[in-house]
Amino acid sequence: MLAIFIEKNLKLYIMKFGKIIWQDLTVDNAQHIKDFYCEVVGWTFSNVDQGDYNDFNITNPNDYKVVAGICHKKGEISNFPSQWLNYVTVESLDTVLKSVSH
């Protein structure tokens, strides 16, 4: 889901380092959590087909931009923490990886 979002919106984020570009919430009960946020916050959603179930793109109703994902805790991501995860742009992934590996 993140890769598709970045590919479609890459031109908006070129040279904007340090910007949160995506937020993801991976939970056991994604359908219920999606319904909660849509009701309480007013977000809208679209389904993201995962084969035998759907994850969800979350849309800001003010500008209709996809701003986050709510995902089921299944498969490769079954061990992800149940919390909002932020994705931040960096100028050089190699530089960041070197700086945190010391």
N, C-alpha and C. Protein backbone atom coordinates (compact mmCIF):
# COMPACT_ATOMS: atom_id res chain seq x y z
N MET A 1 0.82 -1.18 0.00
CA MET A 1 0.00 0.00 0.00
C MET A 1 0.88 1.25 0.00
N LEU A 2 1.91 1.30 0.84
CA LEU A 2 2.78 2.46 0.92
C LEU A 2 3.49 2.69 -0.41
N ALA A 3 3.98 1.62 -1.03
CA ALA A 3 4.70 1.78 -2.29
C ALA A 3 3.80 2.37 -3.37
N ILE A 4 2.56 1.96 -3.44
CA ILE A 4 1.62 2.50 -4.42
C ILE A 4 1.37 3.98 -4.14
N PHE A 5 1.19 4.33 -2.88
CA PHE A 5 0.95 5.72 -2.51
C PHE A 5 2.13 6.60 -2.90
N ILE A 6 3.35 6.16 -2.58
CA ILE A 6 4.54 6.95 -2.89
C ILE A 6 4.71 7.08 -4.39
N GLU A 7 4.51 5.99 -5.12
CA GLU A 7 4.67 6.04 -6.57
C GLU A 7 3.72 7.06 -7.19
N LYS A 8 2.48 7.08 -6.75
CA LYS A 8 1.49 8.00 -7.30
C LYS A 8 1.74 9.44 -6.89
N ASN A 9 2.38 9.65 -5.74
CA ASN A 9 2.53 11.00 -5.20
C ASN A 9 3.98 11.45 -5.07
N LEU A 10 4.91 10.73 -5.70
CA LEU A 10 6.33 11.02 -5.53
C LEU A 10 6.67 12.45 -5.89
N LYS A 11 6.11 12.96 -6.97
CA LYS A 11 6.45 14.32 -7.39
C LYS A 11 6.09 15.35 -6.33
N LEU A 12 5.14 15.07 -5.47
CA LEU A 12 4.76 16.01 -4.42
C LEU A 12 5.78 16.06 -3.29
N TYR A 13 6.61 15.02 -3.17
CA TYR A 13 7.50 14.90 -2.02
C TYR A 13 8.98 15.04 -2.34
N ILE A 14 9.32 15.26 -3.60
CA ILE A 14 10.72 15.42 -3.95
C ILE A 14 11.27 16.64 -3.22
N MET A 15 12.40 16.45 -2.54
CA MET A 15 13.12 17.50 -1.82
C MET A 15 12.38 18.00 -0.58
N LYS A 16 11.46 17.27 -0.06
CA LYS A 16 10.78 17.64 1.18
C LYS A 16 11.18 16.65 2.26
N PHE A 17 12.44 16.71 2.68
CA PHE A 17 12.96 15.76 3.65
C PHE A 17 12.44 16.10 5.04
N GLY A 18 12.21 15.05 5.83
CA GLY A 18 11.71 15.24 7.19
C GLY A 18 10.20 15.35 7.27
N LYS A 19 9.53 15.14 6.15
CA LYS A 19 8.07 15.25 6.11
C LYS A 19 7.45 13.87 6.36
N ILE A 20 6.43 13.83 7.20
CA ILE A 20 5.66 12.59 7.38
C ILE A 20 4.80 12.44 6.14
N ILE A 21 5.03 11.34 5.40
CA ILE A 21 4.31 11.15 4.15
C ILE A 21 3.24 10.06 4.23
N TRP A 22 3.25 9.31 5.31
CA TRP A 22 2.26 8.23 5.41
C TRP A 22 2.12 7.83 6.86
N GLN A 23 0.94 7.38 7.21
CA GLN A 23 0.68 6.81 8.53
C GLN A 23 -0.07 5.51 8.33
N ASP A 24 0.32 4.53 9.09
CA ASP A 24 -0.27 3.20 8.95
C ASP A 24 -0.65 2.68 10.33
N LEU A 25 -1.79 2.04 10.41
CA LEU A 25 -2.23 1.39 11.64
C LEU A 25 -2.54 -0.05 11.30
N THR A 26 -1.82 -0.98 11.94
CA THR A 26 -2.01 -2.40 11.70
C THR A 26 -2.59 -3.02 12.97
N VAL A 27 -3.81 -3.56 12.85
CA VAL A 27 -4.54 -4.05 14.02
C VAL A 27 -5.26 -5.36 13.69
N ASP A 28 -5.63 -6.08 14.74
CA ASP A 28 -6.38 -7.32 14.57
C ASP A 28 -7.77 -7.07 14.00
N ASN A 29 -8.38 -5.97 14.40
CA ASN A 29 -9.78 -5.68 14.03
C ASN A 29 -9.87 -4.43 13.14
N ALA A 30 -9.22 -4.49 11.99
CA ALA A 30 -9.11 -3.32 11.10
C ALA A 30 -10.48 -2.79 10.68
N GLN A 31 -11.43 -3.66 10.39
CA GLN A 31 -12.77 -3.22 9.98
C GLN A 31 -13.40 -2.36 11.07
N HIS A 32 -13.35 -2.80 12.31
CA HIS A 32 -13.94 -2.08 13.43
C HIS A 32 -13.22 -0.74 13.67
N ILE A 33 -11.90 -0.77 13.63
CA ILE A 33 -11.11 0.46 13.85
C ILE A 33 -11.37 1.46 12.73
N LYS A 34 -11.43 0.99 11.49
CA LYS A 34 -11.75 1.86 10.35
C LYS A 34 -13.11 2.50 10.56
N ASP A 35 -14.10 1.72 10.94
CA ASP A 35 -15.45 2.25 11.18
C ASP A 35 -15.44 3.30 12.29
N PHE A 36 -14.68 3.04 13.36
CA PHE A 36 -14.58 3.98 14.48
C PHE A 36 -14.04 5.33 14.00
N TYR A 37 -12.90 5.32 13.32
CA TYR A 37 -12.30 6.58 12.87
C TYR A 37 -13.19 7.31 11.86
N CYS A 38 -13.82 6.56 10.98
CA CYS A 38 -14.70 7.20 9.99
C CYS A 38 -15.88 7.88 10.68
N GLU A 39 -16.42 7.25 11.71
CA GLU A 39 -17.56 7.83 12.43
C GLU A 39 -17.13 9.01 13.31
N VAL A 40 -16.06 8.84 14.06
CA VAL A 40 -15.65 9.85 15.04
C VAL A 40 -14.95 11.04 14.38
N VAL A 41 -14.05 10.77 13.44
CA VAL A 41 -13.23 11.83 12.84
C VAL A 41 -13.85 12.35 11.55
N GLY A 42 -14.67 11.53 10.91
CA GLY A 42 -15.28 11.95 9.65
C GLY A 42 -14.49 11.54 8.43
N TRP A 43 -13.47 10.69 8.61
CA TRP A 43 -12.71 10.21 7.47
C TRP A 43 -13.58 9.33 6.58
N THR A 44 -13.17 9.21 5.34
CA THR A 44 -13.79 8.25 4.42
C THR A 44 -12.72 7.21 4.08
N PHE A 45 -13.09 6.18 3.37
CA PHE A 45 -12.15 5.10 3.09
C PHE A 45 -12.40 4.50 1.72
N SER A 46 -11.40 3.79 1.25
CA SER A 46 -11.56 2.93 0.08
C SER A 46 -10.88 1.60 0.40
N ASN A 47 -11.40 0.54 -0.17
CA ASN A 47 -10.86 -0.79 0.08
C ASN A 47 -9.57 -0.99 -0.70
N VAL A 48 -8.66 -1.75 -0.09
CA VAL A 48 -7.43 -2.17 -0.76
C VAL A 48 -7.45 -3.70 -0.74
N ASP A 49 -7.69 -4.29 -1.89
CA ASP A 49 -7.87 -5.74 -2.01
C ASP A 49 -6.60 -6.48 -1.62
N GLN A 50 -6.72 -7.39 -0.67
CA GLN A 50 -5.61 -8.22 -0.21
C GLN A 50 -5.88 -9.70 -0.51
N GLY A 51 -6.76 -9.95 -1.45
CA GLY A 51 -7.11 -11.33 -1.79
C GLY A 51 -8.36 -11.77 -1.08
N ASP A 52 -8.21 -12.33 0.13
CA ASP A 52 -9.37 -12.83 0.86
C ASP A 52 -9.92 -11.83 1.88
N TYR A 53 -9.38 -10.64 1.90
CA TYR A 53 -9.88 -9.57 2.78
C TYR A 53 -9.45 -8.22 2.22
N ASN A 54 -9.97 -7.14 2.78
CA ASN A 54 -9.59 -5.79 2.38
C ASN A 54 -8.91 -5.06 3.52
N ASP A 55 -7.82 -4.35 3.20
CA ASP A 55 -7.30 -3.32 4.07
C ASP A 55 -7.92 -2.02 3.58
N PHE A 56 -7.56 -0.88 4.19
CA PHE A 56 -8.28 0.36 3.88
C PHE A 56 -7.34 1.55 3.71
N ASN A 57 -7.55 2.30 2.64
CA ASN A 57 -6.95 3.62 2.50
C ASN A 57 -7.90 4.60 3.15
N ILE A 58 -7.36 5.50 3.95
CA ILE A 58 -8.15 6.48 4.67
C ILE A 58 -7.99 7.84 3.98
N THR A 59 -9.11 8.50 3.74
CA THR A 59 -9.13 9.75 2.99
C THR A 59 -9.59 10.90 3.86
N ASN A 60 -8.88 12.01 3.75
CA ASN A 60 -9.28 13.24 4.43
C ASN A 60 -10.46 13.83 3.65
N PRO A 61 -11.62 14.01 4.28
CA PRO A 61 -12.79 14.51 3.55
C PRO A 61 -12.68 15.97 3.13
N ASN A 62 -11.72 16.71 3.69
CA ASN A 62 -11.58 18.12 3.34
C ASN A 62 -10.91 18.32 1.98
N ASP A 63 -9.94 17.46 1.65
CA ASP A 63 -9.25 17.62 0.37
C ASP A 63 -9.23 16.34 -0.45
N TYR A 64 -9.85 15.28 0.05
CA TYR A 64 -9.98 14.00 -0.64
C TYR A 64 -8.65 13.31 -0.91
N LYS A 65 -7.61 13.66 -0.13
CA LYS A 65 -6.32 13.00 -0.28
C LYS A 65 -6.25 11.79 0.64
N VAL A 66 -5.64 10.72 0.12
CA VAL A 66 -5.41 9.54 0.94
C VAL A 66 -4.29 9.88 1.91
N VAL A 67 -4.56 9.73 3.20
CA VAL A 67 -3.60 10.17 4.22
C VAL A 67 -3.07 9.05 5.10
N ALA A 68 -3.68 7.88 5.05
CA ALA A 68 -3.26 6.81 5.95
C ALA A 68 -3.80 5.47 5.47
N GLY A 69 -3.31 4.43 6.12
CA GLY A 69 -3.82 3.10 5.88
C GLY A 69 -4.17 2.42 7.19
N ILE A 70 -5.23 1.65 7.18
CA ILE A 70 -5.57 0.80 8.31
C ILE A 70 -5.58 -0.63 7.78
N CYS A 71 -4.72 -1.45 8.39
CA CYS A 71 -4.45 -2.79 7.86
C CYS A 71 -4.75 -3.87 8.89
N HIS A 72 -5.12 -5.03 8.36
CA HIS A 72 -5.30 -6.20 9.21
C HIS A 72 -3.93 -6.77 9.58
N LYS A 73 -3.81 -7.22 10.78
CA LYS A 73 -2.58 -7.82 11.29
C LYS A 73 -2.54 -9.27 10.82
N LYS A 74 -2.11 -9.48 9.56
CA LYS A 74 -2.08 -10.81 8.97
C LYS A 74 -0.80 -10.99 8.16
N GLY A 75 -0.42 -12.23 7.97
CA GLY A 75 0.73 -12.55 7.11
C GLY A 75 2.02 -11.91 7.58
N GLU A 76 2.73 -11.28 6.65
CA GLU A 76 4.04 -10.67 6.94
C GLU A 76 3.98 -9.63 8.06
N ILE A 77 2.84 -8.99 8.22
CA ILE A 77 2.74 -7.90 9.21
C ILE A 77 2.01 -8.33 10.48
N SER A 78 1.89 -9.62 10.69
CA SER A 78 1.15 -10.11 11.86
C SER A 78 1.84 -9.75 13.18
N ASN A 79 3.13 -9.45 13.14
CA ASN A 79 3.85 -9.09 14.36
C ASN A 79 4.05 -7.59 14.53
N PHE A 80 3.48 -6.80 13.64
CA PHE A 80 3.60 -5.34 13.77
C PHE A 80 2.91 -4.89 15.05
N PRO A 81 3.43 -3.84 15.68
CA PRO A 81 2.74 -3.30 16.87
C PRO A 81 1.42 -2.65 16.49
N SER A 82 0.45 -2.74 17.36
CA SER A 82 -0.85 -2.09 17.13
C SER A 82 -0.76 -0.63 17.56
N GLN A 83 -0.17 0.17 16.71
CA GLN A 83 -0.01 1.60 16.98
C GLN A 83 0.14 2.31 15.63
N TRP A 84 -0.08 3.60 15.63
CA TRP A 84 0.13 4.38 14.42
C TRP A 84 1.62 4.42 14.12
N LEU A 85 2.01 4.07 12.91
CA LEU A 85 3.39 4.13 12.46
C LEU A 85 3.51 5.26 11.44
N ASN A 86 4.48 6.13 11.63
CA ASN A 86 4.70 7.25 10.71
C ASN A 86 5.88 6.94 9.79
N TYR A 87 5.75 7.32 8.53
CA TYR A 87 6.81 7.16 7.55
C TYR A 87 7.32 8.55 7.20
N VAL A 88 8.64 8.76 7.33
CA VAL A 88 9.24 10.08 7.16
C VAL A 88 10.25 10.02 6.02
N THR A 89 10.25 11.05 5.17
CA THR A 89 11.22 11.12 4.08
C THR A 89 12.59 11.52 4.62
N VAL A 90 13.62 10.98 3.99
CA VAL A 90 15.00 11.34 4.31
C VAL A 90 15.73 11.62 3.01
N GLU A 91 16.79 12.40 3.11
CA GLU A 91 17.55 12.74 1.90
C GLU A 91 18.31 11.53 1.36
N SER A 92 18.88 10.73 2.26
CA SER A 92 19.67 9.58 1.84
C SER A 92 19.44 8.42 2.80
N LEU A 93 18.83 7.37 2.32
CA LEU A 93 18.60 6.20 3.16
C LEU A 93 19.92 5.58 3.59
N ASP A 94 20.91 5.54 2.70
CA ASP A 94 22.21 4.99 3.06
C ASP A 94 22.83 5.75 4.22
N THR A 95 22.76 7.08 4.20
CA THR A 95 23.31 7.90 5.28
C THR A 95 22.59 7.62 6.59
N VAL A 96 21.28 7.53 6.55
CA VAL A 96 20.51 7.25 7.76
C VAL A 96 20.85 5.89 8.33
N LEU A 97 20.93 4.88 7.46
CA LEU A 97 21.25 3.53 7.93
C LEU A 97 22.63 3.48 8.55
N LYS A 98 23.60 4.18 7.96
CA LYS A 98 24.95 4.23 8.54
C LYS A 98 24.93 4.91 9.90
N SER A 99 24.15 5.96 10.04
CA SER A 99 24.14 6.72 11.30
C SER A 99 23.50 5.95 12.44
N VAL A 100 22.58 5.07 12.16
CA VAL A 100 21.90 4.32 13.22
C VAL A 100 22.55 2.97 13.50
N SER A 101 23.52 2.59 12.67
CA SER A 101 24.15 1.28 12.86
C SER A 101 25.38 1.34 13.76
N HIS A 102 25.72 2.51 14.26
CA HIS A 102 26.90 2.66 15.14
C HIS A 102 26.54 2.34 16.55
